[in-house]
Amino acid sequence: MPLLTYFVLFAFAGQPFNNYWGWVTAPIWAFAAAYGVEGVHLLILAALRPQFQPPRHV
């Protein structure tokens, strides 16, 4: 929520000389989109994988 608030306020209160920040952050967002999908997929697989249980000694 704080990040969304920052984006909205920056959209209205941002200065004209701050326009280049989109060019700075665009490559980072591209990597986040590309690797984020794979990361979420791996997290789901790890959560669904049965956990290792050591053998029980009777």
N, C-alpha and C. Protein backbone atom coordinates (compact mmCIF):
# COMPACT_ATOMS: atom_id res chain seq x y z
N MET A 1 0.81 -1.20 0.00
CA MET A 1 0.00 0.00 0.00
C MET A 1 0.86 1.27 0.00
N PRO A 2 1.92 1.32 0.79
CA PRO A 2 2.75 2.53 0.75
C PRO A 2 3.36 2.77 -0.63
N LEU A 3 3.73 1.69 -1.31
CA LEU A 3 4.32 1.84 -2.64
C LEU A 3 3.31 2.40 -3.63
N LEU A 4 2.09 1.93 -3.55
CA LEU A 4 1.03 2.44 -4.43
C LEU A 4 0.78 3.92 -4.16
N THR A 5 0.75 4.29 -2.89
CA THR A 5 0.58 5.70 -2.52
C THR A 5 1.71 6.55 -3.08
N TYR A 6 2.93 6.05 -2.98
CA TYR A 6 4.08 6.78 -3.52
C TYR A 6 3.93 7.00 -5.02
N PHE A 7 3.56 5.95 -5.75
CA PHE A 7 3.41 6.08 -7.21
C PHE A 7 2.33 7.10 -7.57
N VAL A 8 1.21 7.05 -6.87
CA VAL A 8 0.11 7.97 -7.17
C VAL A 8 0.53 9.41 -6.87
N LEU A 9 1.13 9.63 -5.70
CA LEU A 9 1.56 10.99 -5.36
C LEU A 9 2.65 11.48 -6.29
N PHE A 10 3.58 10.61 -6.66
CA PHE A 10 4.65 11.01 -7.56
C PHE A 10 4.11 11.36 -8.94
N ALA A 11 3.04 10.67 -9.37
CA ALA A 11 2.44 10.95 -10.68
C ALA A 11 1.88 12.38 -10.73
N PHE A 12 1.38 12.87 -9.60
CA PHE A 12 0.78 14.20 -9.57
C PHE A 12 1.75 15.28 -9.09
N ALA A 13 2.66 14.91 -8.21
CA ALA A 13 3.54 15.92 -7.62
C ALA A 13 4.97 15.84 -8.15
N GLY A 14 5.23 14.94 -9.08
CA GLY A 14 6.58 14.79 -9.62
C GLY A 14 7.00 16.01 -10.41
N GLN A 15 8.26 16.29 -10.39
CA GLN A 15 8.80 17.45 -11.11
C GLN A 15 9.13 17.06 -12.56
N PRO A 16 9.13 18.00 -13.49
CA PRO A 16 9.43 17.70 -14.89
C PRO A 16 10.82 17.10 -15.09
N PHE A 17 11.78 17.44 -14.22
CA PHE A 17 13.12 16.91 -14.40
C PHE A 17 13.24 15.47 -13.90
N ASN A 18 12.18 14.90 -13.35
CA ASN A 18 12.20 13.52 -12.87
C ASN A 18 11.70 12.52 -13.91
N ASN A 19 11.45 12.95 -15.12
CA ASN A 19 10.90 12.06 -16.14
C ASN A 19 11.86 10.93 -16.51
N TYR A 20 13.13 11.11 -16.34
CA TYR A 20 14.09 10.09 -16.76
C TYR A 20 14.07 8.86 -15.86
N TRP A 21 13.42 8.91 -14.70
CA TRP A 21 13.42 7.75 -13.79
C TRP A 21 12.73 6.55 -14.42
N GLY A 22 11.81 6.78 -15.32
CA GLY A 22 11.19 5.66 -16.03
C GLY A 22 12.20 4.90 -16.85
N TRP A 23 13.14 5.61 -17.45
CA TRP A 23 14.19 4.96 -18.23
C TRP A 23 15.18 4.23 -17.34
N VAL A 24 15.34 4.69 -16.12
CA VAL A 24 16.27 4.04 -15.19
C VAL A 24 15.69 2.74 -14.65
N THR A 25 14.41 2.75 -14.31
CA THR A 25 13.81 1.58 -13.67
C THR A 25 13.24 0.57 -14.66
N ALA A 26 13.06 0.91 -15.91
CA ALA A 26 12.45 0.00 -16.88
C ALA A 26 13.21 -1.32 -17.01
N PRO A 27 14.54 -1.32 -17.11
CA PRO A 27 15.24 -2.61 -17.21
C PRO A 27 15.06 -3.48 -15.96
N ILE A 28 14.99 -2.86 -14.80
CA ILE A 28 14.79 -3.62 -13.57
C ILE A 28 13.42 -4.29 -13.57
N TRP A 29 12.39 -3.57 -14.02
CA TRP A 29 11.06 -4.14 -14.08
C TRP A 29 11.00 -5.29 -15.09
N ALA A 30 11.76 -5.19 -16.18
CA ALA A 30 11.79 -6.27 -17.16
C ALA A 30 12.37 -7.53 -16.54
N PHE A 31 13.47 -7.39 -15.80
CA PHE A 31 14.05 -8.55 -15.12
C PHE A 31 13.09 -9.10 -14.06
N ALA A 32 12.43 -8.22 -13.34
CA ALA A 32 11.49 -8.67 -12.31
C ALA A 32 10.34 -9.46 -12.93
N ALA A 33 9.85 -9.00 -14.07
CA ALA A 33 8.75 -9.71 -14.73
C ALA A 33 9.22 -11.06 -15.26
N ALA A 34 10.41 -11.09 -15.81
CA ALA A 34 10.92 -12.33 -16.40
C ALA A 34 11.25 -13.37 -15.33
N TYR A 35 11.96 -12.98 -14.30
CA TYR A 35 12.38 -13.92 -13.28
C TYR A 35 11.34 -14.10 -12.18
N GLY A 36 10.42 -13.16 -12.04
CA GLY A 36 9.39 -13.27 -11.02
C GLY A 36 8.45 -14.43 -11.26
N VAL A 37 8.09 -14.66 -12.51
CA VAL A 37 7.20 -15.77 -12.85
C VAL A 37 7.87 -17.09 -12.50
N GLU A 38 9.13 -17.23 -12.86
CA GLU A 38 9.87 -18.46 -12.54
C GLU A 38 10.01 -18.62 -11.03
N GLY A 39 10.26 -17.53 -10.33
CA GLY A 39 10.40 -17.60 -8.88
C GLY A 39 9.12 -18.05 -8.19
N VAL A 40 7.99 -17.51 -8.63
CA VAL A 40 6.70 -17.93 -8.06
C VAL A 40 6.44 -19.40 -8.36
N HIS A 41 6.78 -19.82 -9.56
CA HIS A 41 6.61 -21.23 -9.94
C HIS A 41 7.45 -22.13 -9.04
N LEU A 42 8.70 -21.76 -8.79
CA LEU A 42 9.55 -22.57 -7.91
C LEU A 42 9.05 -22.57 -6.47
N LEU A 43 8.52 -21.46 -6.00
CA LEU A 43 7.96 -21.42 -4.66
C LEU A 43 6.76 -22.35 -4.52
N ILE A 44 5.91 -22.38 -5.54
CA ILE A 44 4.75 -23.27 -5.51
C ILE A 44 5.19 -24.72 -5.53
N LEU A 45 6.16 -25.04 -6.38
CA LEU A 45 6.67 -26.42 -6.43
C LEU A 45 7.29 -26.84 -5.09
N ALA A 46 8.03 -25.94 -4.47
CA ALA A 46 8.64 -26.25 -3.18
C ALA A 46 7.58 -26.46 -2.10
N ALA A 47 6.50 -25.69 -2.16
CA ALA A 47 5.44 -25.83 -1.16
C ALA A 47 4.67 -27.14 -1.35
N LEU A 48 4.54 -27.59 -2.58
CA LEU A 48 3.77 -28.81 -2.85
C LEU A 48 4.60 -30.09 -2.74
N ARG A 49 5.91 -29.96 -2.75
CA ARG A 49 6.79 -31.13 -2.67
C ARG A 49 6.68 -31.74 -1.28
N PRO A 50 6.58 -33.07 -1.21
CA PRO A 50 6.54 -33.69 0.12
C PRO A 50 7.84 -33.45 0.87
N GLN A 51 7.71 -33.19 2.13
CA GLN A 51 8.88 -32.90 2.96
C GLN A 51 9.60 -34.19 3.32
N PHE A 52 10.90 -34.08 3.48
CA PHE A 52 11.71 -35.22 3.88
C PHE A 52 11.40 -35.58 5.33
N GLN A 53 11.13 -36.86 5.56
CA GLN A 53 10.90 -37.34 6.92
C GLN A 53 11.90 -38.45 7.20
N PRO A 54 12.73 -38.29 8.21
CA PRO A 54 13.71 -39.32 8.51
C PRO A 54 13.03 -40.62 8.93
N PRO A 55 13.68 -41.75 8.68
CA PRO A 55 13.07 -43.04 9.07
C PRO A 55 12.88 -43.13 10.58
N ARG A 56 11.82 -43.78 10.97
CA ARG A 56 11.53 -43.95 12.39
C ARG A 56 12.22 -45.21 12.91
N HIS A 57 12.85 -45.09 14.03
CA HIS A 57 13.46 -46.24 14.68
C HIS A 57 12.50 -46.76 15.74
N VAL A 58 12.23 -48.03 15.65
CA VAL A 58 11.26 -48.63 16.58
C VAL A 58 11.96 -49.16 17.80
